C-alpha atoms as a PDB file:
ATOM      1  CA  MET A   1      23.599  -4.767  33.393  1.00  0.00           C
ATOM      2  CA  LEU A   2      25.679  -6.186  30.590  1.00  0.00           C
ATOM      3  CA  ILE A   3      22.592  -7.625  28.944  1.00  0.00           C
ATOM      4  CA  LEU A   4      20.830  -4.253  29.186  1.00  0.00           C
ATOM      5  CA  ASN A   5      23.753  -2.488  27.519  1.00  0.00           C
ATOM      6  CA  GLY A   6      23.732  -5.136  24.797  1.00  0.00           C
ATOM      7  CA  GLU A   7      20.045  -4.511  24.134  1.00  0.00           C
ATOM      8  CA  ILE A   8      20.575  -0.756  23.966  1.00  0.00           C
ATOM      9  CA  LYS A   9      23.483  -1.205  21.541  1.00  0.00           C
ATOM     10  CA  THR A  10      21.426  -3.584  19.373  1.00  0.00           C
ATOM     11  CA  ARG A  11      18.466  -1.199  19.193  1.00  0.00           C
ATOM     12  CA  SER A  12      20.733   1.752  18.403  1.00  0.00           C
ATOM     13  CA  PHE A  13      22.380  -0.204  15.605  1.00  0.00           C
ATOM     14  CA  ALA A  14      18.977  -1.208  14.189  1.00  0.00           C
ATOM     15  CA  ILE A  15      17.765   2.419  14.181  1.00  0.00           C
ATOM     16  CA  VAL A  16      20.913   3.608  12.408  1.00  0.00           C
ATOM     17  CA  TRP A  17      20.604   0.782   9.861  1.00  0.00           C
ATOM     18  CA  LEU A  18      16.964   1.687   9.085  1.00  0.00           C
ATOM     19  CA  LEU A  19      17.892   5.340   8.624  1.00  0.00           C
ATOM     20  CA  LEU A  20      20.689   4.377   6.237  1.00  0.00           C
ATOM     21  CA  ILE A  21      18.344   2.187   4.175  1.00  0.00           C
ATOM     22  CA  SER A  22      15.639   4.875   3.902  1.00  0.00           C
ATOM     23  CA  ALA A  23      18.171   7.504   2.884  1.00  0.00           C
ATOM     24  CA  GLY A  24      20.101   5.237   0.507  1.00  0.00           C
ATOM     25  CA  GLU A  25      17.986   5.772  -2.576  1.00  0.00           C
ATOM     26  CA  THR A  26      17.742   9.569  -2.080  1.00  0.00           C
ATOM     27  CA  LEU A  27      21.484   9.805  -1.513  1.00  0.00           C
ATOM     28  CA  CYS A  28      22.113   7.746  -4.649  1.00  0.00           C
ATOM     29  CA  GLN A  29      19.983  10.084  -6.750  1.00  0.00           C
ATOM     30  CA  GLU A  30      21.564  13.222  -5.287  1.00  0.00           C
ATOM     31  CA  SER A  31      25.125  11.963  -5.672  1.00  0.00           C
ATOM     32  CA  ILE A  32      24.893  10.438  -9.176  1.00  0.00           C
ATOM     33  CA  LEU A  33      26.078  13.697 -10.755  1.00  0.00           C
ATOM     34  CA  ASP A  34      29.059  13.875  -8.382  1.00  0.00           C
ATOM     35  CA  SER A  35      30.017  10.191  -8.552  1.00  0.00           C
ATOM     36  CA  SER A  36      33.035   9.216 -10.668  1.00  0.00           C
ATOM     37  CA  TRP A  37      32.729   7.222 -13.901  1.00  0.00           C
ATOM     38  CA  SER A  38      35.030   5.962 -16.620  1.00  0.00           C
ATOM     39  CA  PHE A  39      34.146   5.841 -20.324  1.00  0.00           C
ATOM     40  CA  ARG A  40      36.497   4.829 -23.161  1.00  0.00           C
ATOM     41  CA  SER A  41      34.301   5.077 -26.267  1.00  0.00           C
ATOM     42  CA  GLY A  42      36.441   7.562 -28.197  1.00  0.00           C
ATOM     43  CA  SER A  43      34.850   9.793 -30.833  1.00  0.00           C
ATOM     44  CA  VAL A  44      31.067   9.381 -30.942  1.00  0.00           C
ATOM     45  CA  ARG A  45      27.982  11.455 -31.659  1.00  0.00           C
ATOM     46  CA  THR A  46      26.472  13.403 -28.761  1.00  0.00           C
ATOM     47  CA  GLY A  47      23.267  11.357 -28.912  1.00  0.00           C
ATOM     48  CA  ASN A  48      25.232   8.095 -28.760  1.00  0.00           C
ATOM     49  CA  ALA A  49      27.334   9.413 -25.878  1.00  0.00           C
ATOM     50  CA  LEU A  50      24.209  10.136 -23.833  1.00  0.00           C
ATOM     51  CA  GLU A  51      22.871   6.658 -24.627  1.00  0.00           C
ATOM     52  CA  ILE A  52      26.122   5.052 -23.419  1.00  0.00           C
ATOM     53  CA  ILE A  53      26.046   7.070 -20.196  1.00  0.00           C
ATOM     54  CA  SER A  54      22.364   6.223 -19.670  1.00  0.00           C
ATOM     55  CA  ARG A  55      23.033   2.506 -20.186  1.00  0.00           C
ATOM     56  CA  GLU A  56      25.943   2.458 -17.733  1.00  0.00           C
ATOM     57  CA  THR A  57      24.412   4.621 -14.987  1.00  0.00           C
ATOM     58  CA  GLY A  58      20.801   3.462 -15.259  1.00  0.00           C
ATOM     59  CA  PHE A  59      19.574   7.068 -15.460  1.00  0.00           C
ATOM     60  CA  ASN A  60      17.703   8.413 -18.496  1.00  0.00           C
ATOM     61  CA  PHE A  61      18.045  11.915 -19.920  1.00  0.00           C
ATOM     62  CA  THR A  62      15.305  14.492 -20.456  1.00  0.00           C
ATOM     63  CA  TYR A  63      16.183  17.685 -22.306  1.00  0.00           C
ATOM     64  CA  ASP A  64      15.070  20.386 -24.698  1.00  0.00           C
ATOM     65  CA  SER A  65      15.830  19.202 -28.225  1.00  0.00           C
ATOM     66  CA  ARG A  66      17.050  22.716 -29.117  1.00  0.00           C
ATOM     67  CA  LEU A  67      19.773  22.626 -26.461  1.00  0.00           C
ATOM     68  CA  ILE A  68      21.646  19.603 -27.792  1.00  0.00           C
ATOM     69  CA  ASP A  69      22.796  18.612 -31.275  1.00  0.00           C
ATOM     70  CA  PRO A  70      22.688  14.775 -31.213  1.00  0.00           C
ATOM     71  CA  GLU A  71      24.758  14.542 -34.423  1.00  0.00           C
ATOM     72  CA  LYS A  72      27.661  16.610 -33.148  1.00  0.00           C
ATOM     73  CA  LYS A  73      30.921  14.655 -32.773  1.00  0.00           C
ATOM     74  CA  VAL A  74      32.365  14.558 -29.252  1.00  0.00           C
ATOM     75  CA  THR A  75      35.056  12.581 -27.452  1.00  0.00           C
ATOM     76  CA  LEU A  76      33.831  10.255 -24.708  1.00  0.00           C
ATOM     77  CA  ASP A  77      37.149   9.387 -23.062  1.00  0.00           C
ATOM     78  CA  TYR A  78      37.125   9.880 -19.287  1.00  0.00           C
ATOM     79  CA  ARG A  79      38.614   8.053 -16.328  1.00  0.00           C
ATOM     80  CA  ASP A  80      37.338   8.396 -12.742  1.00  0.00           C
ATOM     81  CA  THR A  81      35.644  11.702 -13.578  1.00  0.00           C
ATOM     82  CA  PRO A  82      32.503  13.098 -11.896  1.00  0.00           C
ATOM     83  CA  LEU A  83      29.465  12.611 -14.126  1.00  0.00           C
ATOM     84  CA  ARG A  84      28.672  16.336 -13.918  1.00  0.00           C
ATOM     85  CA  ASN A  85      32.062  17.166 -15.467  1.00  0.00           C
ATOM     86  CA  ILE A  86      31.636  14.468 -18.127  1.00  0.00           C
ATOM     87  CA  LEU A  87      28.290  15.933 -19.209  1.00  0.00           C
ATOM     88  CA  SER A  88      29.726  19.449 -19.265  1.00  0.00           C
ATOM     89  CA  GLY A  89      32.633  18.190 -21.372  1.00  0.00           C
ATOM     90  CA  ILE A  90      30.600  16.407 -24.055  1.00  0.00           C
ATOM     91  CA  LEU A  91      27.841  19.051 -24.240  1.00  0.00           C
ATOM     92  CA  GLN A  92      30.335  21.929 -24.288  1.00  0.00           C
ATOM     93  CA  ASN A  93      27.770  24.437 -23.049  1.00  0.00           C
ATOM     94  CA  ASP A  94      28.450  26.253 -19.782  1.00  0.00           C
ATOM     95  CA  SER A  95      24.907  27.650 -19.673  1.00  0.00           C
ATOM     96  CA  LEU A  96      23.330  24.225 -19.062  1.00  0.00           C
ATOM     97  CA  VAL A  97      22.434  22.876 -15.633  1.00  0.00           C
ATOM     98  CA  PHE A  98      21.751  19.312 -14.500  1.00  0.00           C
ATOM     99  CA  SER A  99      19.200  18.065 -11.992  1.00  0.00           C
ATOM    100  CA  VAL A 100      17.954  14.626 -10.927  1.00  0.00           C
ATOM    101  CA  ILE A 101      14.316  13.555 -10.514  1.00  0.00           C
ATOM    102  CA  ASP A 102      13.632   9.885  -9.846  1.00  0.00           C
ATOM    103  CA  ARG A 103      15.690   7.972 -12.443  1.00  0.00           C
ATOM    104  CA  TYR A 104      15.969  10.900 -14.857  1.00  0.00           C
ATOM    105  CA  ILE A 105      18.757  13.428 -15.350  1.00  0.00           C
ATOM    106  CA  ILE A 106      17.223  16.659 -16.632  1.00  0.00           C
ATOM    107  CA  ILE A 107      19.345  18.932 -18.823  1.00  0.00           C
ATOM    108  CA  SER A 108      18.024  22.487 -19.004  1.00  0.00           C
ATOM    109  CA  ARG A 109      18.897  26.142 -18.917  1.00  0.00           C
ATOM    110  CA  PRO A 110      19.167  27.841 -15.530  1.00  0.00           C
ATOM    111  CA  GLU A 111      15.769  28.763 -14.117  1.00  0.00           C
ATOM    112  CA  LYS A 112      14.720  32.170 -15.325  1.00  0.00           C
ATOM    113  CA  LYS A 113      14.947  34.934 -12.755  1.00  0.00           C
ATOM    114  CA  SER A 114      11.349  35.907 -13.435  1.00  0.00           C
ATOM    115  CA  LEU A 115      10.273  32.481 -12.191  1.00  0.00           C
ATOM    116  CA  ALA A 116      11.408  33.166  -8.660  1.00  0.00           C
ATOM    117  CA  LYS A 117       8.492  32.775  -6.322  1.00  0.00           C
ATOM    118  CA  ASN A 118       8.805  36.274  -4.909  1.00  0.00           C
ATOM    119  CA  GLU A 119       8.924  37.859  -8.372  1.00  0.00           C
ATOM    120  CA  ILE A 120       5.981  36.117 -10.054  1.00  0.00           C
ATOM    121  CA  ILE A 121       3.306  38.437 -11.361  1.00  0.00           C
ATOM    122  CA  PRO A 122      -0.025  37.037 -10.105  1.00  0.00           C
ATOM    123  CA  GLY A 123      -2.192  35.657 -12.898  1.00  0.00           C
ATOM    124  CA  GLN A 124       0.483  36.035 -15.567  1.00  0.00           C
ATOM    125  CA  PRO A 125       0.241  33.027 -17.914  1.00  0.00           C
ATOM    126  CA  ASP A 126       3.065  31.191 -19.624  1.00  0.00           C
ATOM    127  CA  ALA A 127       3.339  27.873 -21.435  1.00  0.00           C
ATOM    128  CA  ALA A 128       5.188  24.579 -21.394  1.00  0.00           C
ATOM    129  CA  THR A 129       5.965  23.124 -24.796  1.00  0.00           C
ATOM    130  CA  GLY A 130       7.705  19.977 -25.878  1.00  0.00           C
ATOM    131  CA  LYS A 131       7.547  16.620 -27.581  1.00  0.00           C
ATOM    132  CA  ILE A 132       6.600  13.205 -26.181  1.00  0.00           C
ATOM    133  CA  ILE A 133       8.543  10.276 -27.664  1.00  0.00           C
ATOM    134  CA  ASP A 134       9.176   6.564 -27.160  1.00  0.00           C
ATOM    135  CA  GLU A 135      12.236   6.005 -24.956  1.00  0.00           C
ATOM    136  CA  GLU A 136      13.629   3.107 -27.025  1.00  0.00           C
ATOM    137  CA  THR A 137      12.825   4.075 -30.623  1.00  0.00           C
ATOM    138  CA  GLY A 138      12.553   7.848 -30.378  1.00  0.00           C
ATOM    139  CA  ASP A 139       9.266   7.729 -32.318  1.00  0.00           C
ATOM    140  CA  PRO A 140       6.705  10.422 -31.401  1.00  0.00           C
ATOM    141  CA  LEU A 141       3.663   9.349 -29.372  1.00  0.00           C
ATOM    142  CA  PRO A 142       0.679  10.975 -31.103  1.00  0.00           C
ATOM    143  CA  PHE A 143      -2.237  12.164 -28.951  1.00  0.00           C
ATOM    144  CA  ALA A 144      -0.469  11.498 -25.632  1.00  0.00           C
ATOM    145  CA  THR A 145      -2.085  13.399 -22.763  1.00  0.00           C
ATOM    146  CA  ILE A 146      -0.393  15.834 -20.388  1.00  0.00           C
ATOM    147  CA  GLY A 147      -2.124  17.657 -17.548  1.00  0.00           C
ATOM    148  CA  PHE A 148      -1.983  18.849 -13.951  1.00  0.00           C
ATOM    149  CA  LYS A 149      -2.366  16.433 -11.042  1.00  0.00           C
ATOM    150  CA  SER A 150      -4.318  18.779  -8.767  1.00  0.00           C
ATOM    151  CA  ILE A 151      -6.920  20.059 -11.242  1.00  0.00           C
ATOM    152  CA  PRO A 152      -8.695  18.554 -14.283  1.00  0.00           C
ATOM    153  CA  LYS A 153      -6.854  20.641 -16.838  1.00  0.00           C
ATOM    154  CA  GLY A 154      -4.517  19.496 -19.577  1.00  0.00           C
ATOM    155  CA  THR A 155      -3.975  19.015 -23.278  1.00  0.00           C
ATOM    156  CA  VAL A 156      -3.358  16.362 -25.934  1.00  0.00           C
ATOM    157  CA  ALA A 157      -0.270  16.128 -28.128  1.00  0.00           C
ATOM    158  CA  ASN A 158      -0.674  16.386 -31.894  1.00  0.00           C
ATOM    159  CA  SER A 159       0.123  13.664 -34.432  1.00  0.00           C
ATOM    160  CA  ASN A 160       3.850  14.451 -34.077  1.00  0.00           C
ATOM    161  CA  GLY A 161       3.807  14.117 -30.283  1.00  0.00           C
ATOM    162  CA  GLU A 162       4.178  17.898 -29.804  1.00  0.00           C
ATOM    163  CA  PHE A 163       2.179  19.780 -27.185  1.00  0.00           C
ATOM    164  CA  LEU A 164       1.624  23.247 -25.746  1.00  0.00           C
ATOM    165  CA  LEU A 165       0.140  23.679 -22.270  1.00  0.00           C
ATOM    166  CA  ASN A 166      -0.671  27.093 -20.809  1.00  0.00           C
ATOM    167  CA  ILE A 167       0.467  27.494 -17.202  1.00  0.00           C
ATOM    168  CA  SER A 168      -0.545  30.215 -14.764  1.00  0.00           C
ATOM    169  CA  SER A 169       1.616  31.355 -11.860  1.00  0.00           C
ATOM    170  CA  ALA A 170      -0.814  29.731  -9.403  1.00  0.00           C
ATOM    171  CA  LEU A 171       0.176  26.278 -10.736  1.00  0.00           C
ATOM    172  CA  LEU A 172       3.956  26.606 -10.487  1.00  0.00           C
ATOM    173  CA  ASP A 173       4.115  24.311  -7.454  1.00  0.00           C
ATOM    174  CA  ASP A 174       1.941  21.654  -9.108  1.00  0.00           C
ATOM    175  CA  THR A 175       3.036  18.527 -10.983  1.00  0.00           C
ATOM    176  CA  LEU A 176       2.444  17.550 -14.606  1.00  0.00           C
ATOM    177  CA  TYR A 177       1.352  13.998 -15.390  1.00  0.00           C
ATOM    178  CA  VAL A 178       2.079  12.542 -18.836  1.00  0.00           C
ATOM    179  CA  SER A 179       0.276   9.380 -19.970  1.00  0.00           C
ATOM    180  CA  PHE A 180      -0.062   7.259 -23.074  1.00  0.00           C
ATOM    181  CA  LEU A 181      -1.780   3.896 -23.521  1.00  0.00           C
ATOM    182  CA  GLY A 182       0.720   1.064 -23.062  1.00  0.00           C
ATOM    183  CA  TYR A 183       3.366   3.270 -21.402  1.00  0.00           C
ATOM    184  CA  ILE A 184       4.359   4.051 -17.809  1.00  0.00           C
ATOM    185  CA  GLY A 185       3.119   7.467 -16.725  1.00  0.00           C
ATOM    186  CA  ARG A 186       5.594  10.288 -16.068  1.00  0.00           C
ATOM    187  CA  GLU A 187       5.467  13.034 -13.435  1.00  0.00           C
ATOM    188  CA  ILE A 188       7.343  16.308 -13.999  1.00  0.00           C
ATOM    189  CA  PRO A 189       7.406  19.361 -11.678  1.00  0.00           C
ATOM    190  CA  VAL A 190       5.696  22.332 -13.303  1.00  0.00           C
ATOM    191  CA  ARG A 191       8.633  24.587 -12.484  1.00  0.00           C
ATOM    192  CA  GLN A 192      10.912  22.285 -14.498  1.00  0.00           C
ATOM    193  CA  ALA A 193       8.647  22.425 -17.557  1.00  0.00           C
ATOM    194  CA  PHE A 194       7.734  26.099 -17.223  1.00  0.00           C
ATOM    195  CA  GLY A 195       9.057  28.029 -20.224  1.00  0.00           C
ATOM    196  CA  ASN A 196      11.083  25.057 -21.542  1.00  0.00           C
ATOM    197  CA  ASP A 197      10.679  23.129 -24.768  1.00  0.00           C
ATOM    198  CA  MET A 198      11.200  19.644 -23.342  1.00  0.00           C
ATOM    199  CA  THR A 199      11.667  16.208 -24.863  1.00  0.00           C
ATOM    200  CA  ILE A 200       9.732  13.784 -22.654  1.00  0.00           C
ATOM    201  CA  THR A 201      10.581  10.102 -23.067  1.00  0.00           C
ATOM    202  CA  MET A 202       8.061   7.398 -22.195  1.00  0.00           C
ATOM    203  CA  ARG A 203       8.891   3.805 -21.266  1.00  0.00           C
ATOM    204  CA  ARG A 204       6.744   0.911 -22.487  1.00  0.00           C
ATOM    205  CA  GLU A 205       4.732  -1.008 -19.898  1.00  0.00           C
ATOM    206  CA  TYR A 206       4.594  -4.744 -20.474  1.00  0.00           C
ATOM    207  CA  VAL A 207       1.602  -6.529 -18.976  1.00  0.00           C
ATOM    208  CA  SER A 208       1.478 -10.328 -18.953  1.00  0.00           C
ATOM    209  CA  ILE A 209      -1.794 -11.990 -19.982  1.00  0.00           C
ATOM    210  CA  PRO A 210      -3.126 -15.380 -18.836  1.00  0.00           C
ATOM    211  CA  GLU A 211      -2.255 -18.469 -20.851  1.00  0.00           C
ATOM    212  CA  ILE A 212      -4.741 -19.425 -23.578  1.00  0.00           C
ATOM    213  CA  ILE A 213      -5.189 -23.138 -24.384  1.00  0.00           C
ATOM    214  CA  ILE A 214      -6.558 -24.088 -27.808  1.00  0.00           C
ATOM    215  CA  ARG A 215      -7.782 -27.675 -28.137  1.00  0.00           C
ATOM    216  CA  ASN A 216      -8.193 -29.420 -31.465  1.00  0.00           C
ATOM    217  CA  GLN A 217     -11.589 -31.077 -32.089  1.00  0.00           C
ATOM    218  CA  ILE A 218     -12.867 -33.272 -34.916  1.00  0.00           C
ATOM    219  CA  PRO A 219     -15.676 -31.507 -36.887  1.00  0.00           C
ATOM    220  CA  ARG A 220     -17.652 -34.766 -37.279  1.00  0.00           C
ATOM    221  CA  GLU A 221     -17.834 -35.212 -33.504  1.00  0.00           C
ATOM    222  CA  ILE A 222     -19.118 -31.633 -33.076  1.00  0.00           C
ATOM    223  CA  ILE A 223     -21.920 -32.264 -35.625  1.00  0.00           C
ATOM    224  CA  LEU A 224     -22.919 -35.596 -34.031  1.00  0.00           C
ATOM    225  CA  LYS A 225     -22.971 -33.995 -30.598  1.00  0.00           C
ATOM    226  CA  ALA A 226     -25.269 -31.214 -31.849  1.00  0.00           C
ATOM    227  CA  ARG A 227     -27.543 -33.777 -33.515  1.00  0.00           C
ATOM    228  CA  ARG A 228     -27.871 -35.812 -30.320  1.00  0.00           C
ATOM    229  CA  ALA A 229     -28.866 -32.682 -28.430  1.00  0.00           C
ATOM    230  CA  ILE A 230     -31.780 -31.834 -30.768  1.00  0.00           C
ATOM    231  CA  ALA A 231     -34.320 -33.730 -28.663  1.00  0.00           C
ATOM    232  CA  ARG A 232     -33.154 -31.937 -25.526  1.00  0.00           C
ATOM    233  CA  ASN A 233     -33.007 -28.476 -27.034  1.00  0.00           C
ATOM    234  CA  TYR A 234     -36.171 -28.563 -29.159  1.00  0.00           C
ATOM    235  CA  GLY A 235     -39.619 -29.743 -28.059  1.00  0.00           C
ATOM    236  CA  ASP A 236     -41.866 -32.115 -30.125  1.00  0.00           C
ATOM    237  CA  SER A 237     -45.189 -30.412 -29.281  1.00  0.00           C
ATOM    238  CA  PRO A 238     -46.887 -28.520 -32.158  1.00  0.00           C
ATOM    239  CA  VAL A 239     -46.880 -24.758 -31.812  1.00  0.00           C
ATOM    240  CA  MET A 240     -49.147 -22.252 -33.583  1.00  0.00           C
ATOM    241  CA  MET A 241     -47.656 -18.831 -34.166  1.00  0.00           C
ATOM    242  CA  THR A 242     -49.216 -15.681 -35.607  1.00  0.00           C
ATOM    243  CA  GLY A 243     -47.258 -13.486 -37.933  1.00  0.00           C
ATOM    244  CA  PHE A 244     -47.894 -10.107 -39.460  1.00  0.00           C
ATOM    245  CA  TYR A 245     -47.069  -9.057 -42.971  1.00  0.00           C
ATOM    246  CA  SER A 246     -47.097  -5.602 -44.464  1.00  0.00           C
ATOM    247  CA  SER A 247     -46.236  -4.404 -47.913  1.00  0.00           C
ATOM    248  CA  GLY A 248     -46.067  -1.183 -49.812  1.00  0.00           C
ATOM    249  CA  ARG A 249     -46.502  -0.180 -53.384  1.00  0.00           C
ATOM    250  CA  LYS A 250     -44.690   2.549 -55.161  1.00  0.00           C
ATOM    251  CA  SER A 251     -45.888   4.010 -58.409  1.00  0.00           C
ATOM    252  CA  SER A 252     -44.572   6.726 -60.608  1.00  0.00           C
ATOM    253  CA  LYS A 253     -46.682   9.116 -62.641  1.00  0.00           C
ATOM    254  CA  THR A 254     -45.590  10.962 -65.721  1.00  0.00           C
ATOM    255  CA  ILE A 255     -46.614  14.608 -65.778  1.00  0.00           C
ATOM    256  CA  LEU A 256     -47.225  15.910 -69.259  1.00  0.00           C
ATOM    257  CA  PRO A 257     -46.567  19.547 -70.012  1.00  0.00           C
ATOM    258  CA  SER A 258     -49.718  21.663 -70.308  1.00  0.00           C
END
């Protein structure tokens, strides 16, 4: 009986442990905004402040470039403060909201009331606009593609990485997929991009290639090897071949006036 109880306790512990592991990553993403952080960088630009926070937390930021002035001076001096309060303090805009998708913290305006599912006018179109840039350099990614996952419909960014994609109300529950050669693809919920002018950052994808070995050879040996192979590659029997030749003649005539 003691052994049976031990087995039951062991299995119960294993089940609880598996549930904790599966929920760990989701819990981490949901609680990152409410977790406490300390930053002592003093007076910095808003763009630099977001880069410092991104480097320390491991989460990248996605936002509408019109919502944030990256050159504005702010004070990044916090101790054991929830990340949500830190962002509100440095952005100094009470109308902004924060959400977490994968490893990205999205800064946006509150969802428009007209976007509520029970208030959508069937068939009414709207658009998602934005700019696709390199995550490290901030350079635009010209001709990057962005489209829907469920249907073959999308668009291509212009030479400045800017795009405009029309969205109908029937696609609000779909997902946008952003891709560019040499970069890791991004997925963004349509409702998050709907009506927003977003800045979408793309991370480079590094692919290792097999090792290439270059051997040095002496040109004289290559020539001698080719010469020795003449008898094997070319026969010594006479061959008669028939060829065809054609030619044309062009002449010019001078027409005298009558």
